């Protein structure tokens, strides 16, 4: 199974927030997820990004594909994208 780490849109009209999820890449982005890694609130001025760094690193080491937007979010929060085990 090929998995990907990507954003899942939640919230109401014109008030979006996103969950950073691990999901089967062949499914729609609104379908069942395997794991939730964090959240991203682009509207808020403070506390925009909340990421469980250990979960994210664990999934990256397992070989999950990370979308470009999630890469930027993880870099802002300080999570390294190395596939090497520490």
N, C-alpha and C. Protein backbone atom coordinates (compact mmCIF):
# COMPACT_ATOMS: atom_id res chain seq x y z
N UNK A 1 0.85 -1.17 0.00
CA UNK A 1 0.00 0.00 0.00
C UNK A 1 0.89 1.24 0.00
N UNK A 2 0.62 2.15 -0.92
CA UNK A 2 1.38 3.40 -0.95
C UNK A 2 0.64 4.44 -0.13
N UNK A 3 1.35 5.02 0.81
CA UNK A 3 0.73 6.00 1.69
C UNK A 3 1.35 7.37 1.47
N UNK A 4 0.59 8.38 1.81
CA UNK A 4 1.05 9.75 1.65
C UNK A 4 0.62 10.57 2.85
N UNK A 5 1.42 11.57 3.18
CA UNK A 5 1.08 12.51 4.25
C UNK A 5 0.62 13.78 3.57
N UNK A 6 -0.64 14.16 3.81
CA UNK A 6 -1.20 15.31 3.13
C UNK A 6 -2.22 16.02 4.01
N UNK A 7 -2.78 17.11 3.50
CA UNK A 7 -3.76 17.89 4.25
C UNK A 7 -5.17 17.40 3.96
N UNK A 8 -6.00 17.41 4.99
CA UNK A 8 -7.41 17.08 4.87
C UNK A 8 -8.20 18.30 5.34
N UNK A 9 -9.00 18.90 4.46
CA UNK A 9 -9.70 20.15 4.76
C UNK A 9 -10.89 19.89 5.67
N UNK A 10 -11.00 20.73 6.68
CA UNK A 10 -12.12 20.69 7.61
C UNK A 10 -12.61 22.13 7.78
N UNK A 11 -13.59 22.33 8.63
CA UNK A 11 -14.06 23.68 8.91
C UNK A 11 -15.26 24.06 8.07
N UNK A 12 -15.66 25.30 8.19
CA UNK A 12 -16.83 25.78 7.47
C UNK A 12 -16.40 26.65 6.30
N UNK A 13 -17.39 27.18 5.63
CA UNK A 13 -17.15 28.03 4.47
C UNK A 13 -16.36 29.27 4.88
N UNK A 14 -15.26 29.53 4.20
CA UNK A 14 -14.37 30.67 4.43
C UNK A 14 -13.69 30.65 5.80
N UNK A 15 -13.73 29.56 6.53
CA UNK A 15 -13.04 29.39 7.82
C UNK A 15 -12.36 28.03 7.84
N UNK A 16 -11.45 27.77 6.91
CA UNK A 16 -10.87 26.43 6.82
C UNK A 16 -9.82 26.18 7.90
N UNK A 17 -9.70 24.92 8.26
CA UNK A 17 -8.53 24.44 8.97
C UNK A 17 -8.24 23.06 8.41
N UNK A 18 -7.03 22.63 8.58
CA UNK A 18 -6.59 21.39 7.95
C UNK A 18 -6.01 20.44 8.98
N UNK A 19 -6.21 19.16 8.74
CA UNK A 19 -5.55 18.13 9.52
C UNK A 19 -4.44 17.55 8.66
N UNK A 20 -3.30 17.32 9.27
CA UNK A 20 -2.19 16.66 8.57
C UNK A 20 -2.36 15.18 8.85
N UNK A 21 -2.65 14.41 7.80
CA UNK A 21 -3.01 13.01 7.96
C UNK A 21 -2.14 12.11 7.10
N UNK A 22 -2.06 10.85 7.51
CA UNK A 22 -1.43 9.80 6.71
C UNK A 22 -2.57 8.99 6.12
N UNK A 23 -2.53 8.81 4.79
CA UNK A 23 -3.66 8.23 4.09
C UNK A 23 -3.18 7.41 2.90
N UNK A 24 -3.99 6.45 2.50
CA UNK A 24 -3.71 5.70 1.28
C UNK A 24 -3.79 6.66 0.11
N UNK A 25 -2.76 6.68 -0.72
CA UNK A 25 -2.68 7.68 -1.80
C UNK A 25 -3.73 7.45 -2.88
N UNK A 26 -4.33 6.28 -2.94
CA UNK A 26 -5.33 6.00 -3.97
C UNK A 26 -6.73 6.45 -3.58
N UNK A 27 -6.91 6.85 -2.33
CA UNK A 27 -8.23 7.29 -1.86
C UNK A 27 -8.39 8.80 -1.99
N UNK A 28 -9.65 9.25 -1.92
CA UNK A 28 -9.93 10.68 -1.94
C UNK A 28 -9.43 11.32 -0.66
N UNK A 29 -9.13 12.61 -0.71
CA UNK A 29 -8.57 13.28 0.45
C UNK A 29 -9.57 13.43 1.58
N UNK A 30 -10.85 13.22 1.32
CA UNK A 30 -11.87 13.33 2.36
C UNK A 30 -12.27 11.97 2.94
N UNK A 31 -11.61 10.90 2.53
CA UNK A 31 -12.00 9.57 2.99
C UNK A 31 -11.27 9.17 4.27
N UNK A 32 -11.32 7.92 4.61
CA UNK A 32 -10.76 7.38 5.85
C UNK A 32 -9.24 7.59 5.91
N UNK A 33 -8.76 7.97 7.08
CA UNK A 33 -7.32 8.19 7.27
C UNK A 33 -6.73 7.07 8.11
N UNK A 34 -5.43 6.89 7.99
CA UNK A 34 -4.71 5.90 8.79
C UNK A 34 -4.31 6.49 10.13
N UNK A 35 -3.79 7.73 10.10
CA UNK A 35 -3.31 8.38 11.32
C UNK A 35 -3.36 9.89 11.14
N UNK A 36 -3.58 10.60 12.25
CA UNK A 36 -3.55 12.06 12.23
C UNK A 36 -2.27 12.52 12.91
N UNK A 37 -1.50 13.35 12.22
CA UNK A 37 -0.19 13.79 12.69
C UNK A 37 -0.25 15.17 13.33
N UNK A 38 -1.13 16.04 12.82
CA UNK A 38 -1.21 17.39 13.36
C UNK A 38 -2.31 18.19 12.73
N UNK A 39 -2.31 19.50 13.04
CA UNK A 39 -3.31 20.41 12.48
C UNK A 39 -2.63 21.68 11.98
N UNK A 40 -3.32 22.37 11.07
CA UNK A 40 -2.84 23.62 10.50
C UNK A 40 -4.03 24.56 10.37
N UNK A 41 -3.97 25.72 11.04
CA UNK A 41 -5.02 26.74 11.02
C UNK A 41 -4.48 27.98 10.32
N UNK A 42 -4.69 28.14 9.01
CA UNK A 42 -4.11 29.28 8.30
C UNK A 42 -4.74 30.62 8.66
N UNK A 43 -5.94 30.64 9.20
CA UNK A 43 -6.64 31.89 9.51
C UNK A 43 -6.11 32.52 10.80
N UNK A 44 -5.77 31.69 11.78
CA UNK A 44 -5.33 32.20 13.08
C UNK A 44 -3.97 32.88 12.99
N UNK A 45 -3.76 33.87 13.83
CA UNK A 45 -2.48 34.56 13.85
C UNK A 45 -1.47 33.85 14.75
N UNK A 46 -1.94 33.19 15.82
CA UNK A 46 -1.07 32.45 16.73
C UNK A 46 -1.47 30.98 16.71
N UNK A 47 -0.53 30.13 17.03
CA UNK A 47 -0.77 28.68 17.11
C UNK A 47 -1.35 28.13 15.82
N UNK A 48 -0.75 28.49 14.70
CA UNK A 48 -1.23 28.01 13.41
C UNK A 48 -0.92 26.54 13.20
N UNK A 49 0.24 26.10 13.67
CA UNK A 49 0.71 24.76 13.37
C UNK A 49 0.88 23.97 14.66
N UNK A 50 0.28 22.78 14.71
CA UNK A 50 0.49 21.85 15.81
C UNK A 50 0.81 20.50 15.20
N UNK A 51 2.03 20.01 15.47
CA UNK A 51 2.48 18.75 14.87
C UNK A 51 3.05 17.86 15.95
N UNK A 52 2.67 16.58 15.92
CA UNK A 52 3.29 15.58 16.78
C UNK A 52 4.56 15.12 16.06
N UNK A 53 5.69 15.66 16.46
CA UNK A 53 6.95 15.44 15.75
C UNK A 53 7.35 13.97 15.73
N UNK A 54 7.11 13.26 16.82
CA UNK A 54 7.50 11.85 16.88
C UNK A 54 6.70 11.01 15.88
N UNK A 55 5.40 11.27 15.78
CA UNK A 55 4.57 10.55 14.81
C UNK A 55 5.03 10.86 13.39
N UNK A 56 5.29 12.13 13.12
CA UNK A 56 5.71 12.54 11.78
C UNK A 56 7.03 11.87 11.40
N UNK A 57 8.00 11.90 12.30
CA UNK A 57 9.30 11.27 12.02
C UNK A 57 9.15 9.77 11.82
N UNK A 58 8.30 9.15 12.63
CA UNK A 58 8.06 7.72 12.52
C UNK A 58 7.50 7.36 11.14
N UNK A 59 6.52 8.10 10.68
CA UNK A 59 5.93 7.82 9.38
C UNK A 59 6.92 8.11 8.25
N UNK A 60 7.71 9.13 8.37
CA UNK A 60 8.69 9.45 7.34
C UNK A 60 9.74 8.35 7.24
N UNK A 61 10.15 7.81 8.38
CA UNK A 61 11.12 6.71 8.39
C UNK A 61 10.53 5.44 7.78
N UNK A 62 9.22 5.28 7.89
CA UNK A 62 8.55 4.11 7.30
C UNK A 62 8.41 4.24 5.79
N UNK A 63 8.67 5.43 5.24
CA UNK A 63 8.67 5.60 3.79
C UNK A 63 7.45 6.27 3.21
N UNK A 64 6.70 6.97 4.03
CA UNK A 64 5.52 7.67 3.53
C UNK A 64 5.94 8.82 2.61
N UNK A 65 5.16 9.08 1.56
CA UNK A 65 5.40 10.20 0.66
C UNK A 65 4.77 11.44 1.27
N UNK A 66 5.51 12.54 1.29
CA UNK A 66 5.03 13.78 1.90
C UNK A 66 4.71 14.78 0.80
N UNK A 67 3.51 15.39 0.85
CA UNK A 67 3.14 16.38 -0.16
C UNK A 67 3.98 17.64 0.03
N UNK A 68 4.05 18.47 -1.01
CA UNK A 68 4.87 19.68 -0.98
C UNK A 68 4.41 20.65 0.11
N UNK A 69 3.10 20.82 0.25
CA UNK A 69 2.57 21.75 1.26
C UNK A 69 2.90 21.26 2.67
N UNK A 70 2.76 19.96 2.89
CA UNK A 70 3.07 19.40 4.22
C UNK A 70 4.56 19.51 4.51
N UNK A 71 5.40 19.38 3.49
CA UNK A 71 6.85 19.56 3.68
C UNK A 71 7.14 20.96 4.21
N UNK A 72 6.50 21.96 3.61
CA UNK A 72 6.71 23.34 4.06
C UNK A 72 6.23 23.53 5.50
N UNK A 73 5.09 22.95 5.83
CA UNK A 73 4.54 23.07 7.19
C UNK A 73 5.45 22.39 8.19
N UNK A 74 5.94 21.21 7.86
CA UNK A 74 6.83 20.48 8.77
C UNK A 74 8.15 21.22 8.95
N UNK A 75 8.67 21.83 7.89
CA UNK A 75 9.90 22.61 8.00
C UNK A 75 9.71 23.81 8.90
N UNK A 76 8.55 24.48 8.80
CA UNK A 76 8.27 25.63 9.66
C UNK A 76 8.18 25.22 11.12
N UNK A 77 7.68 24.01 11.38
CA UNK A 77 7.54 23.56 12.76
C UNK A 77 8.81 22.90 13.29
N UNK A 78 9.83 22.71 12.44
CA UNK A 78 11.12 22.21 12.90
C UNK A 78 11.31 20.71 12.80
N UNK A 79 10.45 20.02 12.07
CA UNK A 79 10.57 18.57 11.90
C UNK A 79 11.45 18.29 10.68
N UNK A 80 12.51 17.50 10.87
CA UNK A 80 13.40 17.16 9.76
C UNK A 80 12.80 16.04 8.94
N UNK A 81 13.11 16.02 7.67
CA UNK A 81 12.53 15.04 6.76
C UNK A 81 13.53 13.95 6.38
N UNK A 82 14.45 13.62 7.27
CA UNK A 82 15.43 12.57 7.01
C UNK A 82 14.76 11.20 7.13
N UNK A 83 15.07 10.32 6.19
CA UNK A 83 14.55 8.96 6.24
C UNK A 83 15.45 8.02 7.04
N UNK A 84 16.60 8.54 7.47
CA UNK A 84 17.54 7.72 8.23
C UNK A 84 17.07 7.56 9.67
N UNK A 85 17.23 6.37 10.20
CA UNK A 85 16.87 6.12 11.61
C UNK A 85 17.90 6.74 12.53
N UNK A 86 17.45 7.39 13.57
CA UNK A 86 18.37 8.02 14.54
C UNK A 86 18.68 7.08 15.66
